[in-house]
C-alpha atoms as a PDB file:
ATOM      1  CA  MET A   1     111.363-230.631 263.493  1.00  0.00           C
ATOM      2  CA  THR A   2     112.065-226.624 263.733  1.00  0.00           C
ATOM      3  CA  THR A   3     111.795-226.301 260.044  1.00  0.00           C
ATOM      4  CA  ALA A   4     108.202-228.385 260.206  1.00  0.00           C
ATOM      5  CA  SER A   5     107.073-226.009 262.674  1.00  0.00           C
ATOM      6  CA  GLN A   6     108.127-222.754 261.148  1.00  0.00           C
ATOM      7  CA  ASP A   7     106.443-224.029 257.844  1.00  0.00           C
ATOM      8  CA  GLU A   8     103.282-224.519 259.777  1.00  0.00           C
ATOM      9  CA  GLY A   9     103.176-221.094 261.340  1.00  0.00           C
ATOM     10  CA  ARG A  10     104.371-219.501 257.969  1.00  0.00           C
ATOM     11  CA  ARG A  11     101.131-221.450 256.663  1.00  0.00           C
ATOM     12  CA  ARG A  12      98.868-220.251 259.384  1.00  0.00           C
ATOM     13  CA  LYS A  13      99.905-216.373 258.698  1.00  0.00           C
ATOM     14  CA  LEU A  14      99.249-216.490 255.167  1.00  0.00           C
ATOM     15  CA  ILE A  15      95.460-217.754 255.864  1.00  0.00           C
ATOM     16  CA  VAL A  16      95.408-215.047 258.205  1.00  0.00           C
ATOM     17  CA  PHE A  17      96.663-212.045 255.640  1.00  0.00           C
ATOM     18  CA  LEU A  18      95.111-213.686 252.624  1.00  0.00           C
ATOM     19  CA  PRO A  19      91.213-212.103 253.361  1.00  0.00           C
ATOM     20  CA  LEU A  20      93.111-208.727 253.561  1.00  0.00           C
ATOM     21  CA  VAL A  21      95.084-209.431 250.814  1.00  0.00           C
ATOM     22  CA  ILE A  22      92.014-209.991 248.610  1.00  0.00           C
ATOM     23  CA  PHE A  23      90.139-206.515 249.922  1.00  0.00           C
ATOM     24  CA  LEU A  24      92.854-204.915 249.452  1.00  0.00           C
ATOM     25  CA  ALA A  25      93.260-205.439 245.823  1.00  0.00           C
ATOM     26  CA  LEU A  26      89.491-205.503 245.628  1.00  0.00           C
ATOM     27  CA  ALA A  27      89.568-202.352 246.641  1.00  0.00           C
ATOM     28  CA  ALA A  28      92.392-200.751 244.747  1.00  0.00           C
ATOM     29  CA  LEU A  29      90.423-202.152 241.393  1.00  0.00           C
ATOM     30  CA  PHE A  30      87.729-200.447 242.583  1.00  0.00           C
ATOM     31  CA  PHE A  31      89.349-196.911 243.158  1.00  0.00           C
ATOM     32  CA  PHE A  32      91.050-197.293 240.371  1.00  0.00           C
ATOM     33  CA  ARG A  33      87.645-197.725 238.048  1.00  0.00           C
ATOM     34  CA  LEU A  34      85.858-195.176 239.656  1.00  0.00           C
ATOM     35  CA  GLY A  35      88.668-192.610 239.014  1.00  0.00           C
ATOM     36  CA  ALA A  36      88.444-193.595 234.911  1.00  0.00           C
ATOM     37  CA  GLY A  37      86.749-191.182 233.082  1.00  0.00           C
ATOM     38  CA  ASP A  38      84.435-188.478 233.893  1.00  0.00           C
ATOM     39  CA  PRO A  39      82.104-190.155 236.917  1.00  0.00           C
ATOM     40  CA  ALA A  40      78.890-187.745 235.547  1.00  0.00           C
ATOM     41  CA  THR A  41      78.869-189.372 232.444  1.00  0.00           C
ATOM     42  CA  VAL A  42      77.658-193.080 233.152  1.00  0.00           C
ATOM     43  CA  PRO A  43      76.877-195.476 230.410  1.00  0.00           C
ATOM     44  CA  SER A  44      73.077-196.443 230.389  1.00  0.00           C
ATOM     45  CA  ALA A  45      71.903-199.081 228.586  1.00  0.00           C
ATOM     46  CA  LEU A  46      68.997-196.984 227.123  1.00  0.00           C
ATOM     47  CA  ILE A  47      71.724-195.187 225.073  1.00  0.00           C
ATOM     48  CA  GLY A  48      70.819-195.580 221.498  1.00  0.00           C
ATOM     49  CA  ARG A  49      67.501-196.779 222.351  1.00  0.00           C
ATOM     50  CA  PRO A  50      64.276-194.971 222.107  1.00  0.00           C
ATOM     51  CA  ALA A  51      63.143-192.935 225.046  1.00  0.00           C
ATOM     52  CA  PRO A  52      60.575-194.440 227.403  1.00  0.00           C
ATOM     53  CA  ALA A  53      57.076-193.823 226.380  1.00  0.00           C
ATOM     54  CA  THR A  54      56.681-191.112 228.956  1.00  0.00           C
ATOM     55  CA  ILE A  55      53.166-189.723 229.482  1.00  0.00           C
ATOM     56  CA  LEU A  56      52.739-187.902 233.069  1.00  0.00           C
ATOM     57  CA  PRO A  57      50.404-185.002 233.822  1.00  0.00           C
ATOM     58  CA  PRO A  58      51.527-181.481 233.915  1.00  0.00           C
ATOM     59  CA  LEU A  59      52.397-179.823 237.272  1.00  0.00           C
ATOM     60  CA  ALA A  60      49.059-178.622 238.752  1.00  0.00           C
ATOM     61  CA  GLY A  61      48.696-174.790 238.794  1.00  0.00           C
ATOM     62  CA  LEU A  62      52.029-173.981 236.635  1.00  0.00           C
ATOM     63  CA  GLU A  63      51.292-171.467 234.076  1.00  0.00           C
ATOM     64  CA  ARG A  64      53.507-169.769 231.248  1.00  0.00           C
ATOM     65  CA  ASP A  65      52.056-166.478 230.077  1.00  0.00           C
ATOM     66  CA  GLY A  66      49.153-166.785 231.349  1.00  0.00           C
ATOM     67  CA  LYS A  67      48.130-170.536 230.022  1.00  0.00           C
ATOM     68  CA  PRO A  68      48.719-174.031 231.997  1.00  0.00           C
ATOM     69  CA  MET A  69      51.653-175.741 230.994  1.00  0.00           C
ATOM     70  CA  PRO A  70      51.773-179.152 228.816  1.00  0.00           C
ATOM     71  CA  GLY A  71      52.537-181.976 231.368  1.00  0.00           C
ATOM     72  CA  ILE A  72      54.522-185.252 228.914  1.00  0.00           C
ATOM     73  CA  ALA A  73      53.646-187.031 226.172  1.00  0.00           C
ATOM     74  CA  PRO A  74      55.525-189.395 223.764  1.00  0.00           C
ATOM     75  CA  ASP A  75      54.721-186.830 220.826  1.00  0.00           C
ATOM     76  CA  LEU A  76      56.936-184.225 222.222  1.00  0.00           C
ATOM     77  CA  PHE A  77      59.723-185.700 221.058  1.00  0.00           C
ATOM     78  CA  PRO A  78      59.784-186.793 217.647  1.00  0.00           C
ATOM     79  CA  GLY A  79      61.442-184.499 215.102  1.00  0.00           C
ATOM     80  CA  LYS A  80      63.310-182.223 218.020  1.00  0.00           C
ATOM     81  CA  VAL A  81      66.393-182.807 219.882  1.00  0.00           C
ATOM     82  CA  THR A  82      64.987-182.625 223.502  1.00  0.00           C
ATOM     83  CA  LEU A  83      66.850-182.411 227.050  1.00  0.00           C
ATOM     84  CA  VAL A  84      64.897-184.474 229.612  1.00  0.00           C
ATOM     85  CA  ASN A  85      66.408-183.029 233.343  1.00  0.00           C
ATOM     86  CA  ILE A  86      64.958-185.400 235.897  1.00  0.00           C
ATOM     87  CA  TRP A  87      64.631-182.633 239.313  1.00  0.00           C
ATOM     88  CA  ALA A  88      62.890-181.961 242.570  1.00  0.00           C
ATOM     89  CA  SER A  89      62.567-178.891 244.397  1.00  0.00           C
ATOM     90  CA  TRP A  90      64.414-180.674 247.821  1.00  0.00           C
ATOM     91  CA  CYS A  91      67.312-181.255 245.441  1.00  0.00           C
ATOM     92  CA  GLY A  92      70.044-178.390 246.287  1.00  0.00           C
ATOM     93  CA  PRO A  93      72.387-179.400 242.954  1.00  0.00           C
ATOM     94  CA  CYS A  94      69.100-178.963 241.349  1.00  0.00           C
ATOM     95  CA  ARG A  95      69.516-175.198 242.533  1.00  0.00           C
ATOM     96  CA  GLU A  96      73.246-174.905 241.426  1.00  0.00           C
ATOM     97  CA  GLU A  97      72.305-176.235 237.985  1.00  0.00           C
ATOM     98  CA  ALA A  98      69.228-174.120 237.366  1.00  0.00           C
ATOM     99  CA  PRO A  99      71.481-170.690 235.702  1.00  0.00           C
ATOM    100  CA  LEU A 100      73.058-173.150 233.052  1.00  0.00           C
ATOM    101  CA  LEU A 101      69.420-174.662 232.338  1.00  0.00           C
ATOM    102  CA  ASP A 102      68.178-171.330 231.973  1.00  0.00           C
ATOM    103  CA  GLN A 103      71.070-170.778 229.565  1.00  0.00           C
ATOM    104  CA  LEU A 104      70.653-173.857 227.586  1.00  0.00           C
ATOM    105  CA  ALA A 105      66.902-172.600 226.809  1.00  0.00           C
ATOM    106  CA  GLN A 106      67.761-169.602 224.972  1.00  0.00           C
ATOM    107  CA  ASP A 107      69.187-171.859 222.291  1.00  0.00           C
ATOM    108  CA  ARG A 108      65.652-172.319 220.398  1.00  0.00           C
ATOM    109  CA  ARG A 109      67.037-175.595 218.103  1.00  0.00           C
ATOM    110  CA  ILE A 110      66.352-177.410 221.553  1.00  0.00           C
ATOM    111  CA  GLN A 111      63.765-177.949 223.937  1.00  0.00           C
ATOM    112  CA  ILE A 112      64.040-178.340 227.662  1.00  0.00           C
ATOM    113  CA  VAL A 113      61.543-180.825 229.228  1.00  0.00           C
ATOM    114  CA  GLY A 114      61.262-181.596 233.308  1.00  0.00           C
ATOM    115  CA  ILE A 115      60.264-184.501 234.953  1.00  0.00           C
ATOM    116  CA  ASN A 116      59.553-182.969 238.499  1.00  0.00           C
ATOM    117  CA  TYR A 117      60.705-185.979 240.456  1.00  0.00           C
ATOM    118  CA  LYS A 118      58.839-187.268 243.806  1.00  0.00           C
ATOM    119  CA  ASP A 119      58.040-183.550 244.720  1.00  0.00           C
ATOM    120  CA  LEU A 120      55.265-181.418 246.204  1.00  0.00           C
ATOM    121  CA  PRO A 121      53.561-179.493 243.586  1.00  0.00           C
ATOM    122  CA  ASP A 122      53.728-176.235 245.503  1.00  0.00           C
ATOM    123  CA  ASN A 123      57.432-176.581 246.142  1.00  0.00           C
ATOM    124  CA  ALA A 124      58.037-177.309 242.810  1.00  0.00           C
ATOM    125  CA  ARG A 125      56.289-174.162 241.627  1.00  0.00           C
ATOM    126  CA  ARG A 126      57.862-172.004 244.726  1.00  0.00           C
ATOM    127  CA  PHE A 127      61.320-173.810 243.483  1.00  0.00           C
ATOM    128  CA  LEU A 128      60.792-172.828 239.306  1.00  0.00           C
ATOM    129  CA  SER A 129      59.514-169.239 240.789  1.00  0.00           C
ATOM    130  CA  ARG A 130      62.631-168.585 242.477  1.00  0.00           C
ATOM    131  CA  TYR A 131      65.298-170.116 240.013  1.00  0.00           C
ATOM    132  CA  GLY A 132      63.604-170.118 236.941  1.00  0.00           C
ATOM    133  CA  ASN A 133      61.880-171.987 234.214  1.00  0.00           C
ATOM    134  CA  PRO A 134      63.791-173.194 231.347  1.00  0.00           C
ATOM    135  CA  PHE A 135      60.982-176.046 230.129  1.00  0.00           C
ATOM    136  CA  THR A 136      58.940-176.046 227.415  1.00  0.00           C
ATOM    137  CA  ALA A 137      56.746-178.792 229.471  1.00  0.00           C
ATOM    138  CA  VAL A 138      56.859-180.522 232.869  1.00  0.00           C
ATOM    139  CA  GLY A 139      55.422-183.905 234.158  1.00  0.00           C
ATOM    140  CA  THR A 140      54.780-184.959 237.596  1.00  0.00           C
ATOM    141  CA  ASP A 141      56.764-188.171 238.839  1.00  0.00           C
ATOM    142  CA  SER A 142      55.598-188.499 242.471  1.00  0.00           C
ATOM    143  CA  SER A 143      55.687-191.844 242.930  1.00  0.00           C
ATOM    144  CA  GLY A 144      58.876-192.412 241.177  1.00  0.00           C
ATOM    145  CA  ARG A 145      58.042-195.031 238.327  1.00  0.00           C
ATOM    146  CA  THR A 146      59.315-193.115 235.244  1.00  0.00           C
ATOM    147  CA  GLY A 147      62.574-192.550 236.747  1.00  0.00           C
ATOM    148  CA  ILE A 148      62.855-196.279 237.404  1.00  0.00           C
ATOM    149  CA  GLU A 149      61.454-196.361 233.230  1.00  0.00           C
ATOM    150  CA  TRP A 150      64.891-193.675 232.551  1.00  0.00           C
ATOM    151  CA  GLY A 151      67.032-195.518 234.825  1.00  0.00           C
ATOM    152  CA  VAL A 152      67.509-192.954 236.982  1.00  0.00           C
ATOM    153  CA  TYR A 153      70.179-193.102 239.765  1.00  0.00           C
ATOM    154  CA  GLY A 154      69.127-190.029 241.820  1.00  0.00           C
ATOM    155  CA  VAL A 155      68.446-186.037 240.729  1.00  0.00           C
ATOM    156  CA  PRO A 156      69.256-184.102 239.243  1.00  0.00           C
ATOM    157  CA  GLU A 157      70.102-186.372 235.735  1.00  0.00           C
ATOM    158  CA  THR A 158      69.569-184.951 232.038  1.00  0.00           C
ATOM    159  CA  PHE A 159      69.151-187.179 228.947  1.00  0.00           C
ATOM    160  CA  ILE A 160      69.633-185.673 225.342  1.00  0.00           C
ATOM    161  CA  VAL A 161      66.620-187.565 223.343  1.00  0.00           C
ATOM    162  CA  GLY A 162      67.786-187.005 219.593  1.00  0.00           C
ATOM    163  CA  ARG A 163      65.236-186.078 216.605  1.00  0.00           C
ATOM    164  CA  ASP A 164      64.679-190.079 216.494  1.00  0.00           C
ATOM    165  CA  GLY A 165      63.014-190.182 219.421  1.00  0.00           C
ATOM    166  CA  ARG A 166      66.428-192.116 220.658  1.00  0.00           C
ATOM    167  CA  ILE A 167      68.565-191.375 223.908  1.00  0.00           C
ATOM    168  CA  ALA A 168      71.870-189.917 222.877  1.00  0.00           C
ATOM    169  CA  PHE A 169      73.445-189.008 225.761  1.00  0.00           C
ATOM    170  CA  LYS A 170      72.844-189.561 229.783  1.00  0.00           C
ATOM    171  CA  LEU A 171      74.468-187.185 232.336  1.00  0.00           C
ATOM    172  CA  VAL A 172      74.248-188.333 235.754  1.00  0.00           C
ATOM    173  CA  GLY A 173      74.741-185.133 238.764  1.00  0.00           C
ATOM    174  CA  PRO A 174      73.977-181.527 237.923  1.00  0.00           C
ATOM    175  CA  VAL A 175      75.348-179.807 234.786  1.00  0.00           C
ATOM    176  CA  THR A 176      78.676-177.769 235.517  1.00  0.00           C
ATOM    177  CA  PRO A 177      80.110-174.977 233.416  1.00  0.00           C
ATOM    178  CA  ALA A 178      82.654-178.201 233.120  1.00  0.00           C
ATOM    179  CA  ASN A 179      80.518-180.501 231.749  1.00  0.00           C
ATOM    180  CA  LEU A 180      78.414-178.245 229.978  1.00  0.00           C
ATOM    181  CA  GLU A 181      81.376-177.416 227.813  1.00  0.00           C
ATOM    182  CA  THR A 182      82.965-180.851 227.443  1.00  0.00           C
ATOM    183  CA  SER A 183      80.193-183.176 227.144  1.00  0.00           C
ATOM    184  CA  MET A 184      76.392-181.495 226.781  1.00  0.00           C
ATOM    185  CA  LYS A 185      77.357-178.813 223.975  1.00  0.00           C
ATOM    186  CA  PRO A 186      79.273-181.647 221.860  1.00  0.00           C
ATOM    187  CA  ALA A 187      76.347-184.188 222.608  1.00  0.00           C
ATOM    188  CA  ILE A 188      73.812-181.450 221.817  1.00  0.00           C
ATOM    189  CA  GLU A 189      75.686-180.811 218.395  1.00  0.00           C
ATOM    190  CA  LYS A 190      75.915-184.258 217.548  1.00  0.00           C
ATOM    191  CA  ALA A 191      72.384-185.116 218.014  1.00  0.00           C
ATOM    192  CA  LEU A 192      71.307-181.412 215.760  1.00  0.00           C
ATOM    193  CA  ALA A 193      73.383-183.073 213.286  1.00  0.00           C
ATOM    194  CA  SER A 194      72.030-186.535 212.848  1.00  0.00           C
ATOM    195  CA  ALA A 195      69.066-186.671 210.725  1.00  0.00           C
ATOM    196  CA  PRO A 196      65.944-187.900 211.852  1.00  0.00           C
ATOM    197  CA  SER A 197      65.509-191.891 211.238  1.00  0.00           C
ATOM    198  CA  PHE A 198      61.675-192.547 211.655  1.00  0.00           C
END
């Protein structure tokens, strides 16, 4: 009798603790996967595919050398290696990455295109005036629809589009000195070395 009641007590304890054990196992798996690799370089379903056919109006009132800066159109991409940076004036990390984007803009082999995400034009212009404007074109995505087409998780995000118009690389989060050297520059060089295949 005592053995049967002891077995029953063990089964009840097992049933009570089983959900906790399963939860802890799943949590451990989640944290292990989260820590694997660079969290900023998130695999994207768009890698290797043509960049979305993006048509965005220019940022109203934004000028360079007294001329209005253009918005974004699909003909910007073919034949050039392009960094597409999704940014906003309200984004703190966008301020931190601004000097590094200015540094990248010195490389005349590439062009940097900005998508201003869910922002007000006055705020966006003030941001570029204060932190620098590395872009050759800036399109406004006030609704966030273009961000969805590009698979954006949040701002900032940066894509490298090869001369063939295909997405070669995606960086989630700000460009930092570390990922600039370890991820971005190698991806840019690889894109520059690839011959366009139209």
